[in-house]
Amino acid sequence: MALYNPPSVTVTTPTSSTSTPTTVAASVTSQTIAAINSNRKGLTIWNDSTATLYIDFDSAASATDFAVKISAGGYYEMPFDYTGVISGIWSAANGSALVREFS
């Protein structure tokens, strides 16, 4: 039986030299956590609140329709190069989200 050796694949990891901090006040209505940014290489969110933060990769998030649930004091690091809008909503309006966007 012949063995198949596919051609080598080169994987390029994105790098960043700029970090832009943003603070988003907690709200019980959906807020933009990060706007569309075609230069975004990564993003982190720290939920600096005693309430749960629900985020979605869409123009609106809700407590029943979300992608990621960040507990009070929790941290989220986006694992891929998503450049679209990120929205969030809290279970109570106290504190904020501390966002770092890398480009």
N, C-alpha and C. Protein backbone atom coordinates (compact mmCIF):
# COMPACT_ATOMS: atom_id res chain seq x y z
N MET A 1 0.84 -1.17 0.00
CA MET A 1 0.00 0.00 0.00
C MET A 1 0.89 1.24 0.00
N ALA A 2 0.63 2.13 -0.90
CA ALA A 2 1.42 3.36 -1.02
C ALA A 2 1.03 4.35 0.07
N LEU A 3 2.01 5.06 0.55
CA LEU A 3 1.75 6.12 1.53
C LEU A 3 1.62 7.44 0.80
N TYR A 4 0.78 8.29 1.31
CA TYR A 4 0.57 9.61 0.71
C TYR A 4 1.19 10.66 1.61
N ASN A 5 2.07 11.45 1.06
CA ASN A 5 2.70 12.55 1.79
C ASN A 5 2.23 13.86 1.18
N PRO A 6 1.25 14.53 1.83
CA PRO A 6 0.77 15.81 1.28
C PRO A 6 1.87 16.86 1.35
N PRO A 7 1.76 17.91 0.53
CA PRO A 7 2.76 18.98 0.59
C PRO A 7 2.75 19.66 1.96
N SER A 8 3.89 20.23 2.33
CA SER A 8 3.93 20.91 3.63
C SER A 8 3.02 22.13 3.64
N VAL A 9 2.57 22.42 4.82
CA VAL A 9 1.68 23.56 5.03
C VAL A 9 2.37 24.55 5.95
N THR A 10 2.34 25.81 5.57
CA THR A 10 2.91 26.85 6.41
C THR A 10 1.79 27.55 7.16
N VAL A 11 1.93 27.64 8.47
CA VAL A 11 0.94 28.31 9.31
C VAL A 11 1.55 29.61 9.81
N THR A 12 0.85 30.71 9.58
CA THR A 12 1.31 32.01 10.03
C THR A 12 0.45 32.46 11.20
N THR A 13 1.09 32.72 12.32
CA THR A 13 0.38 33.19 13.50
C THR A 13 0.33 34.71 13.46
N PRO A 14 -0.88 35.30 13.63
CA PRO A 14 -0.96 36.76 13.61
C PRO A 14 -0.21 37.37 14.78
N THR A 15 0.44 38.48 14.52
CA THR A 15 1.13 39.20 15.59
C THR A 15 0.54 40.60 15.69
N SER A 16 0.75 41.20 16.84
CA SER A 16 0.19 42.53 17.09
C SER A 16 1.23 43.39 17.77
N SER A 17 1.23 44.66 17.43
CA SER A 17 2.14 45.60 18.09
C SER A 17 1.38 46.74 18.78
N THR A 18 0.04 46.70 18.69
CA THR A 18 -0.77 47.77 19.26
C THR A 18 -1.88 47.19 20.11
N SER A 19 -2.09 47.77 21.29
CA SER A 19 -3.18 47.38 22.18
C SER A 19 -3.99 48.63 22.50
N THR A 20 -5.30 48.56 22.25
CA THR A 20 -6.17 49.70 22.51
C THR A 20 -7.14 49.35 23.63
N PRO A 21 -7.03 50.03 24.79
CA PRO A 21 -7.96 49.75 25.89
C PRO A 21 -9.25 50.54 25.76
N THR A 22 -10.36 49.91 26.15
CA THR A 22 -11.66 50.55 26.14
C THR A 22 -12.42 50.08 27.38
N THR A 23 -13.23 50.96 27.95
CA THR A 23 -14.10 50.59 29.06
C THR A 23 -15.54 50.78 28.61
N VAL A 24 -16.36 49.74 28.81
CA VAL A 24 -17.77 49.80 28.43
C VAL A 24 -18.59 49.65 29.71
N ALA A 25 -19.41 50.65 30.02
CA ALA A 25 -20.24 50.62 31.22
C ALA A 25 -21.29 49.51 31.14
N ALA A 26 -21.48 48.80 32.25
CA ALA A 26 -22.48 47.74 32.32
C ALA A 26 -23.87 48.29 32.07
N SER A 27 -24.69 47.48 31.40
CA SER A 27 -26.06 47.89 31.07
C SER A 27 -26.93 46.66 30.93
N VAL A 28 -28.21 46.80 31.23
CA VAL A 28 -29.15 45.71 31.04
C VAL A 28 -29.80 45.76 29.66
N THR A 29 -29.30 46.68 28.80
CA THR A 29 -29.66 46.67 27.39
C THR A 29 -28.37 46.38 26.61
N SER A 30 -28.50 45.78 25.46
CA SER A 30 -27.34 45.37 24.68
C SER A 30 -26.47 46.57 24.30
N GLN A 31 -25.16 46.42 24.50
CA GLN A 31 -24.18 47.47 24.21
C GLN A 31 -23.14 46.92 23.23
N THR A 32 -22.51 47.80 22.47
CA THR A 32 -21.39 47.39 21.64
C THR A 32 -20.15 47.29 22.53
N ILE A 33 -19.56 46.13 22.59
CA ILE A 33 -18.33 45.91 23.35
C ILE A 33 -17.14 46.27 22.47
N ALA A 34 -17.19 45.90 21.19
CA ALA A 34 -16.15 46.25 20.23
C ALA A 34 -16.80 46.40 18.85
N ALA A 35 -16.51 47.49 18.21
CA ALA A 35 -17.04 47.75 16.86
C ALA A 35 -16.29 46.90 15.82
N ILE A 36 -16.82 46.83 14.63
CA ILE A 36 -16.15 46.15 13.54
C ILE A 36 -14.76 46.77 13.36
N ASN A 37 -13.75 45.92 13.22
CA ASN A 37 -12.38 46.41 13.04
C ASN A 37 -11.63 45.40 12.18
N SER A 38 -11.44 45.72 10.91
CA SER A 38 -10.77 44.78 9.99
C SER A 38 -9.29 44.57 10.34
N ASN A 39 -8.73 45.41 11.21
CA ASN A 39 -7.33 45.26 11.62
C ASN A 39 -7.18 44.47 12.92
N ARG A 40 -8.28 44.05 13.54
CA ARG A 40 -8.21 43.35 14.82
C ARG A 40 -7.51 42.00 14.68
N LYS A 41 -6.54 41.77 15.56
CA LYS A 41 -5.82 40.49 15.60
C LYS A 41 -6.26 39.66 16.80
N GLY A 42 -6.76 40.33 17.83
CA GLY A 42 -7.20 39.64 19.03
C GLY A 42 -7.95 40.59 19.93
N LEU A 43 -8.57 40.03 20.99
CA LEU A 43 -9.37 40.85 21.88
C LEU A 43 -9.50 40.12 23.21
N THR A 44 -9.43 40.88 24.30
CA THR A 44 -9.70 40.33 25.63
C THR A 44 -10.77 41.17 26.31
N ILE A 45 -11.55 40.51 27.17
CA ILE A 45 -12.58 41.20 27.94
C ILE A 45 -12.48 40.74 29.38
N TRP A 46 -12.40 41.69 30.29
CA TRP A 46 -12.47 41.40 31.72
C TRP A 46 -13.78 41.99 32.22
N ASN A 47 -14.61 41.15 32.80
CA ASN A 47 -15.90 41.60 33.33
C ASN A 47 -15.68 42.15 34.74
N ASP A 48 -15.47 43.45 34.82
CA ASP A 48 -15.22 44.13 36.10
C ASP A 48 -16.57 44.54 36.70
N SER A 49 -17.38 43.55 37.01
CA SER A 49 -18.73 43.76 37.51
C SER A 49 -19.08 42.60 38.44
N THR A 50 -20.09 42.80 39.28
CA THR A 50 -20.59 41.70 40.12
C THR A 50 -21.71 40.96 39.40
N ALA A 51 -22.05 41.40 38.19
CA ALA A 51 -23.11 40.78 37.38
C ALA A 51 -22.49 39.94 36.26
N THR A 52 -23.26 39.02 35.74
CA THR A 52 -22.82 38.20 34.61
C THR A 52 -22.90 39.01 33.32
N LEU A 53 -21.89 38.86 32.47
CA LEU A 53 -21.85 39.51 31.16
C LEU A 53 -22.05 38.45 30.09
N TYR A 54 -23.01 38.69 29.20
CA TYR A 54 -23.27 37.79 28.08
C TYR A 54 -22.80 38.51 26.81
N ILE A 55 -21.93 37.88 26.03
CA ILE A 55 -21.48 38.51 24.79
C ILE A 55 -21.88 37.66 23.59
N ASP A 56 -22.03 38.34 22.46
CA ASP A 56 -22.36 37.67 21.21
C ASP A 56 -21.60 38.34 20.08
N PHE A 57 -21.33 37.57 19.06
CA PHE A 57 -20.63 38.07 17.88
C PHE A 57 -21.68 38.49 16.85
N ASP A 58 -22.41 39.53 17.23
CA ASP A 58 -23.55 40.00 16.46
C ASP A 58 -23.85 41.43 16.93
N SER A 59 -24.83 42.06 16.33
CA SER A 59 -25.16 43.44 16.69
C SER A 59 -25.92 43.56 18.00
N ALA A 60 -26.40 42.45 18.56
CA ALA A 60 -27.11 42.49 19.84
C ALA A 60 -26.91 41.18 20.59
N ALA A 61 -26.81 41.29 21.89
CA ALA A 61 -26.70 40.11 22.76
C ALA A 61 -27.87 40.11 23.72
N SER A 62 -28.21 38.95 24.23
CA SER A 62 -29.24 38.84 25.26
C SER A 62 -28.86 37.72 26.21
N ALA A 63 -29.52 37.65 27.34
CA ALA A 63 -29.24 36.61 28.33
C ALA A 63 -29.70 35.23 27.86
N THR A 64 -30.47 35.19 26.78
CA THR A 64 -30.92 33.90 26.24
C THR A 64 -30.33 33.60 24.86
N ASP A 65 -29.71 34.58 24.22
CA ASP A 65 -29.09 34.39 22.90
C ASP A 65 -27.71 35.01 22.94
N PHE A 66 -26.70 34.22 23.26
CA PHE A 66 -25.35 34.72 23.43
C PHE A 66 -24.34 33.64 23.03
N ALA A 67 -23.11 34.04 22.81
CA ALA A 67 -22.05 33.09 22.46
C ALA A 67 -21.20 32.72 23.67
N VAL A 68 -20.94 33.69 24.55
CA VAL A 68 -20.07 33.47 25.70
C VAL A 68 -20.68 34.12 26.94
N LYS A 69 -20.66 33.39 28.05
CA LYS A 69 -21.14 33.89 29.34
C LYS A 69 -19.91 34.12 30.21
N ILE A 70 -19.70 35.39 30.63
CA ILE A 70 -18.54 35.73 31.46
C ILE A 70 -19.04 36.04 32.86
N SER A 71 -18.68 35.21 33.81
CA SER A 71 -19.11 35.41 35.20
C SER A 71 -18.52 36.68 35.77
N ALA A 72 -19.08 37.14 36.89
CA ALA A 72 -18.57 38.33 37.59
C ALA A 72 -17.08 38.15 37.86
N GLY A 73 -16.29 39.15 37.49
CA GLY A 73 -14.85 39.10 37.67
C GLY A 73 -14.13 38.19 36.69
N GLY A 74 -14.86 37.65 35.70
CA GLY A 74 -14.29 36.71 34.74
C GLY A 74 -13.55 37.38 33.60
N TYR A 75 -12.79 36.57 32.88
CA TYR A 75 -11.94 37.03 31.79
C TYR A 75 -12.21 36.17 30.56
N TYR A 76 -12.20 36.79 29.38
CA TYR A 76 -12.40 36.08 28.12
C TYR A 76 -11.34 36.53 27.13
N GLU A 77 -10.76 35.58 26.45
CA GLU A 77 -9.79 35.87 25.40
C GLU A 77 -10.30 35.26 24.11
N MET A 78 -10.50 36.09 23.10
CA MET A 78 -11.03 35.61 21.83
C MET A 78 -10.00 34.71 21.15
N PRO A 79 -10.37 33.47 20.82
CA PRO A 79 -9.39 32.51 20.32
C PRO A 79 -9.15 32.53 18.82
N PHE A 80 -9.71 33.46 18.11
CA PHE A 80 -9.54 33.47 16.65
C PHE A 80 -9.62 34.90 16.13
N ASP A 81 -9.35 35.08 14.86
CA ASP A 81 -9.29 36.42 14.25
C ASP A 81 -10.66 36.89 13.76
N TYR A 82 -11.55 37.12 14.67
CA TYR A 82 -12.88 37.65 14.33
C TYR A 82 -12.78 39.17 14.29
N THR A 83 -13.25 39.79 13.21
CA THR A 83 -13.12 41.25 13.05
C THR A 83 -14.48 41.97 13.08
N GLY A 84 -15.56 41.24 13.29
CA GLY A 84 -16.89 41.83 13.31
C GLY A 84 -17.25 42.45 14.66
N VAL A 85 -18.48 42.91 14.76
CA VAL A 85 -18.96 43.56 15.97
C VAL A 85 -19.12 42.54 17.10
N ILE A 86 -18.88 42.99 18.34
CA ILE A 86 -19.09 42.17 19.53
C ILE A 86 -20.00 42.97 20.45
N SER A 87 -21.10 42.35 20.86
CA SER A 87 -22.08 43.01 21.72
C SER A 87 -22.14 42.32 23.07
N GLY A 88 -22.64 43.05 24.08
CA GLY A 88 -22.76 42.47 25.40
C GLY A 88 -23.92 43.05 26.18
N ILE A 89 -24.39 42.27 27.14
CA ILE A 89 -25.45 42.69 28.04
C ILE A 89 -25.18 42.05 29.40
N TRP A 90 -25.44 42.79 30.46
CA TRP A 90 -25.21 42.30 31.81
C TRP A 90 -26.53 41.88 32.46
N SER A 91 -26.44 41.03 33.47
CA SER A 91 -27.63 40.62 34.22
C SER A 91 -28.07 41.72 35.20
N ALA A 92 -27.18 42.68 35.49
CA ALA A 92 -27.48 43.87 36.31
C ALA A 92 -26.52 44.97 35.88
N ALA A 93 -26.95 46.21 36.01
CA ALA A 93 -26.14 47.34 35.54
C ALA A 93 -25.21 47.85 36.63
N ASN A 94 -24.10 47.17 36.84
CA ASN A 94 -23.07 47.68 37.74
C ASN A 94 -21.71 47.27 37.21
N GLY A 95 -20.74 48.14 37.38
CA GLY A 95 -19.39 47.85 36.89
C GLY A 95 -19.23 48.14 35.42
N SER A 96 -18.29 47.42 34.79
CA SER A 96 -17.98 47.65 33.38
C SER A 96 -17.23 46.46 32.80
N ALA A 97 -16.99 46.55 31.51
CA ALA A 97 -16.13 45.59 30.82
C ALA A 97 -14.87 46.33 30.44
N LEU A 98 -13.73 45.76 30.77
CA LEU A 98 -12.44 46.33 30.37
C LEU A 98 -11.96 45.53 29.17
N VAL A 99 -11.91 46.21 28.04
CA VAL A 99 -11.63 45.55 26.75
C VAL A 99 -10.25 45.96 26.26
N ARG A 100 -9.50 45.01 25.75
CA ARG A 100 -8.22 45.27 25.08
C ARG A 100 -8.33 44.70 23.68
N GLU A 101 -8.14 45.56 22.71
CA GLU A 101 -8.21 45.14 21.31
C GLU A 101 -6.80 45.23 20.72
N PHE A 102 -6.35 44.15 20.11
CA PHE A 102 -5.01 44.10 19.54
C PHE A 102 -5.08 44.21 18.02
N SER A 103 -4.25 45.09 17.47
CA SER A 103 -4.21 45.26 16.02
C SER A 103 -2.78 45.47 15.57
